Amino acid sequence: MSPTLQTLIALGLVILAVAFFVVRWVKARKKPGCGGGCSCSGKKF
């Protein structure tokens, strides 16, 4: 395997890992619940 190919594969894996963690981080920041779009009262008592 050539060094150039190894570098490209490693770079691709790093990009995939970073994208995976960014997606998880963005999903974790969303507030749980429907946001009131399901015809529920959306209020906590």
PDB file of N, CA and C in Angstrom:
ATOM      1  N   MET A   1       0.848  -1.162   0.000  1.00  0.00           N
ATOM      2  CA  MET A   1       0.000   0.000   0.000  1.00  0.00           C
ATOM      3  C   MET A   1       0.907   1.242   0.000  1.00  0.00           C
ATOM      4  N   SER A   2       0.576   2.182  -0.832  1.00  0.00           N
ATOM      5  CA  SER A   2       1.422   3.368  -0.935  1.00  0.00           C
ATOM      6  C   SER A   2       1.151   4.322   0.234  1.00  0.00           C
ATOM      7  N   PRO A   3       2.146   5.110   0.583  1.00  0.00           N
ATOM      8  CA  PRO A   3       1.959   6.063   1.687  1.00  0.00           C
ATOM      9  C   PRO A   3       0.848   7.072   1.401  1.00  0.00           C
ATOM     10  N   THR A   4       0.667   7.445   0.154  1.00  0.00           N
ATOM     11  CA  THR A   4      -0.394   8.396  -0.191  1.00  0.00           C
ATOM     12  C   THR A   4      -1.759   7.793   0.081  1.00  0.00           C
ATOM     13  N   LEU A   5      -1.941   6.536  -0.287  1.00  0.00           N
ATOM     14  CA  LEU A   5      -3.215   5.862  -0.059  1.00  0.00           C
ATOM     15  C   LEU A   5      -3.478   5.713   1.439  1.00  0.00           C
ATOM     16  N   GLN A   6      -2.454   5.371   2.200  1.00  0.00           N
ATOM     17  CA  GLN A   6      -2.606   5.252   3.650  1.00  0.00           C
ATOM     18  C   GLN A   6      -3.008   6.586   4.280  1.00  0.00           C
ATOM     19  N   THR A   7      -2.407   7.660   3.795  1.00  0.00           N
ATOM     20  CA  THR A   7      -2.727   8.986   4.310  1.00  0.00           C
ATOM     21  C   THR A   7      -4.180   9.337   4.010  1.00  0.00           C
ATOM     22  N   LEU A   8      -4.638   9.056   2.811  1.00  0.00           N
ATOM     23  CA  LEU A   8      -6.018   9.353   2.443  1.00  0.00           C
ATOM     24  C   LEU A   8      -7.012   8.529   3.256  1.00  0.00           C
ATOM     25  N   ILE A   9      -6.701   7.270   3.484  1.00  0.00           N
ATOM     26  CA  ILE A   9      -7.579   6.411   4.285  1.00  0.00           C
ATOM     27  C   ILE A   9      -7.636   6.925   5.727  1.00  0.00           C
ATOM     28  N   ALA A  10      -6.490   7.275   6.291  1.00  0.00           N
ATOM     29  CA  ALA A  10      -6.456   7.789   7.663  1.00  0.00           C
ATOM     30  C   ALA A  10      -7.220   9.100   7.762  1.00  0.00           C
ATOM     31  N   LEU A  11      -7.061   9.978   6.795  1.00  0.00           N
ATOM     32  CA  LEU A  11      -7.777  11.245   6.791  1.00  0.00           C
ATOM     33  C   LEU A  11      -9.282  11.016   6.692  1.00  0.00           C
ATOM     34  N   GLY A  12      -9.698  10.068   5.864  1.00  0.00           N
ATOM     35  CA  GLY A  12     -11.116   9.739   5.749  1.00  0.00           C
ATOM     36  C   GLY A  12     -11.695   9.226   7.057  1.00  0.00           C
ATOM     37  N   LEU A  13     -10.941   8.379   7.752  1.00  0.00           N
ATOM     38  CA  LEU A  13     -11.395   7.859   9.036  1.00  0.00           C
ATOM     39  C   LEU A  13     -11.502   8.963  10.087  1.00  0.00           C
ATOM     40  N   VAL A  14     -10.569   9.877  10.087  1.00  0.00           N
ATOM     41  CA  VAL A  14     -10.622  10.991  11.033  1.00  0.00           C
ATOM     42  C   VAL A  14     -11.832  11.871  10.746  1.00  0.00           C
ATOM     43  N   ILE A  15     -12.087  12.147   9.483  1.00  0.00           N
ATOM     44  CA  ILE A  15     -13.244  12.969   9.112  1.00  0.00           C
ATOM     45  C   ILE A  15     -14.541  12.280   9.524  1.00  0.00           C
ATOM     46  N   LEU A  16     -14.639  10.976   9.314  1.00  0.00           N
ATOM     47  CA  LEU A  16     -15.837  10.239   9.729  1.00  0.00           C
ATOM     48  C   LEU A  16     -16.023  10.283  11.249  1.00  0.00           C
ATOM     49  N   ALA A  17     -14.950  10.122  11.987  1.00  0.00           N
ATOM     50  CA  ALA A  17     -15.049  10.150  13.454  1.00  0.00           C
ATOM     51  C   ALA A  17     -15.479  11.531  13.943  1.00  0.00           C
ATOM     52  N   VAL A  18     -14.909  12.578  13.378  1.00  0.00           N
ATOM     53  CA  VAL A  18     -15.284  13.933  13.780  1.00  0.00           C
ATOM     54  C   VAL A  18     -16.745  14.198  13.438  1.00  0.00           C
ATOM     55  N   ALA A  19     -17.179  13.786  12.256  1.00  0.00           N
ATOM     56  CA  ALA A  19     -18.574  13.984  11.859  1.00  0.00           C
ATOM     57  C   ALA A  19     -19.509  13.232  12.804  1.00  0.00           C
ATOM     58  N   PHE A  20     -19.146  12.022  13.190  1.00  0.00           N
ATOM     59  CA  PHE A  20     -19.952  11.232  14.111  1.00  0.00           C
ATOM     60  C   PHE A  20     -20.133  11.956  15.445  1.00  0.00           C
ATOM     61  N   PHE A  21     -19.032  12.473  16.001  1.00  0.00           N
ATOM     62  CA  PHE A  21     -19.115  13.150  17.294  1.00  0.00           C
ATOM     63  C   PHE A  21     -19.849  14.479  17.190  1.00  0.00           C
ATOM     64  N   VAL A  22     -19.710  15.183  16.097  1.00  0.00           N
ATOM     65  CA  VAL A  22     -20.426  16.447  15.924  1.00  0.00           C
ATOM     66  C   VAL A  22     -21.926  16.188  15.858  1.00  0.00           C
ATOM     67  N   VAL A  23     -22.334  15.153  15.134  1.00  0.00           N
ATOM     68  CA  VAL A  23     -23.760  14.826  15.036  1.00  0.00           C
ATOM     69  C   VAL A  23     -24.305  14.449  16.406  1.00  0.00           C
ATOM     70  N   ARG A  24     -23.568  13.657  17.169  1.00  0.00           N
ATOM     71  CA  ARG A  24     -24.018  13.287  18.520  1.00  0.00           C
ATOM     72  C   ARG A  24     -24.128  14.506  19.414  1.00  0.00           C
ATOM     73  N   TRP A  25     -23.179  15.440  19.300  1.00  0.00           N
ATOM     74  CA  TRP A  25     -23.187  16.634  20.122  1.00  0.00           C
ATOM     75  C   TRP A  25     -24.383  17.521  19.774  1.00  0.00           C
ATOM     76  N   VAL A  26     -24.680  17.664  18.492  1.00  0.00           N
ATOM     77  CA  VAL A  26     -25.811  18.498  18.067  1.00  0.00           C
ATOM     78  C   VAL A  26     -27.127  17.868  18.511  1.00  0.00           C
ATOM     79  N   LYS A  27     -27.260  16.558  18.384  1.00  0.00           N
ATOM     80  CA  LYS A  27     -28.489  15.890  18.820  1.00  0.00           C
ATOM     81  C   LYS A  27     -28.682  16.013  20.326  1.00  0.00           C
ATOM     82  N   ALA A  28     -27.613  15.994  21.086  1.00  0.00           N
ATOM     83  CA  ALA A  28     -27.706  16.087  22.539  1.00  0.00           C
ATOM     84  C   ALA A  28     -28.152  17.474  22.982  1.00  0.00           C
ATOM     85  N   ARG A  29     -27.922  18.490  22.178  1.00  0.00           N
ATOM     86  CA  ARG A  29     -28.289  19.849  22.546  1.00  0.00           C
ATOM     87  C   ARG A  29     -29.764  20.139  22.312  1.00  0.00           C
ATOM     88  N   LYS A  30     -30.436  19.334  21.500  1.00  0.00           N
ATOM     89  CA  LYS A  30     -31.851  19.557  21.244  1.00  0.00           C
ATOM     90  C   LYS A  30     -32.656  19.287  22.502  1.00  0.00           C
ATOM     91  N   LYS A  31     -33.686  20.079  22.721  1.00  0.00           N
ATOM     92  CA  LYS A  31     -34.537  19.881  23.880  1.00  0.00           C
ATOM     93  C   LYS A  31     -35.444  18.676  23.634  1.00  0.00           C
ATOM     94  N   PRO A  32     -35.624  17.835  24.627  1.00  0.00           N
ATOM     95  CA  PRO A  32     -36.513  16.698  24.463  1.00  0.00           C
ATOM     96  C   PRO A  32     -37.964  17.155  24.378  1.00  0.00           C
ATOM     97  N   GLY A  33     -38.770  16.369  23.715  1.00  0.00           N
ATOM     98  CA  GLY A  33     -40.193  16.689  23.597  1.00  0.00           C
ATOM     99  C   GLY A  33     -40.559  17.033  22.169  1.00  0.00           C
ATOM    100  N   CYS A  34     -41.816  17.272  21.972  1.00  0.00           N
ATOM    101  CA  CYS A  34     -42.313  17.504  20.619  1.00  0.00           C
ATOM    102  C   CYS A  34     -42.301  18.968  20.234  1.00  0.00           C
ATOM    103  N   GLY A  35     -42.208  19.867  21.189  1.00  0.00           N
ATOM    104  CA  GLY A  35     -42.252  21.273  20.877  1.00  0.00           C
ATOM    105  C   GLY A  35     -43.643  21.819  20.696  1.00  0.00           C
ATOM    106  N   GLY A  36     -44.650  21.026  21.054  1.00  0.00           N
ATOM    107  CA  GLY A  36     -46.033  21.473  20.977  1.00  0.00           C
ATOM    108  C   GLY A  36     -46.721  21.164  19.666  1.00  0.00           C
ATOM    109  N   GLY A  37     -46.073  20.424  18.763  1.00  0.00           N
ATOM    110  CA  GLY A  37     -46.675  20.134  17.462  1.00  0.00           C
ATOM    111  C   GLY A  37     -47.590  18.934  17.448  1.00  0.00           C
ATOM    112  N   CYS A  38     -47.804  18.294  18.585  1.00  0.00           N
ATOM    113  CA  CYS A  38     -48.611  17.074  18.609  1.00  0.00           C
ATOM    114  C   CYS A  38     -49.978  17.313  19.246  1.00  0.00           C
ATOM    115  N   SER A  39     -50.377  18.533  19.347  1.00  0.00           N
ATOM    116  CA  SER A  39     -51.643  18.961  19.955  1.00  0.00           C
ATOM    117  C   SER A  39     -51.711  18.670  21.458  1.00  0.00           C
ATOM    118  N   CYS A  40     -50.582  18.523  22.089  1.00  0.00           N
ATOM    119  CA  CYS A  40     -50.574  18.397  23.546  1.00  0.00           C
ATOM    120  C   CYS A  40     -50.520  19.806  24.131  1.00  0.00           C
ATOM    121  N   SER A  41     -50.756  19.911  25.413  1.00  0.00           N
ATOM    122  CA  SER A  41     -50.773  21.234  26.013  1.00  0.00           C
ATOM    123  C   SER A  41     -49.365  21.845  26.043  1.00  0.00           C
ATOM    124  N   GLY A  42     -48.361  21.008  26.172  1.00  0.00           N
ATOM    125  CA  GLY A  42     -46.994  21.489  26.194  1.00  0.00           C
ATOM    126  C   GLY A  42     -46.607  22.178  27.483  1.00  0.00           C
ATOM    127  N   LYS A  43     -47.493  22.188  28.443  1.00  0.00           N
ATOM    128  CA  LYS A  43     -47.226  22.844  29.718  1.00  0.00           C
ATOM    129  C   LYS A  43     -47.000  21.804  30.793  1.00  0.00           C
ATOM    130  N   LYS A  44     -46.074  22.093  31.674  1.00  0.00           N
ATOM    131  CA  LYS A  44     -45.837  21.214  32.811  1.00  0.00           C
ATOM    132  C   LYS A  44     -46.565  21.776  34.011  1.00  0.00           C
ATOM    133  N   PHE A  45     -47.179  20.910  34.750  1.00  0.00           N
ATOM    134  CA  PHE A  45     -47.914  21.350  35.930  1.00  0.00           C
ATOM    135  C   PHE A  45     -47.105  21.164  37.167  1.00  0.00           C
TER     136      PHE A  45
END
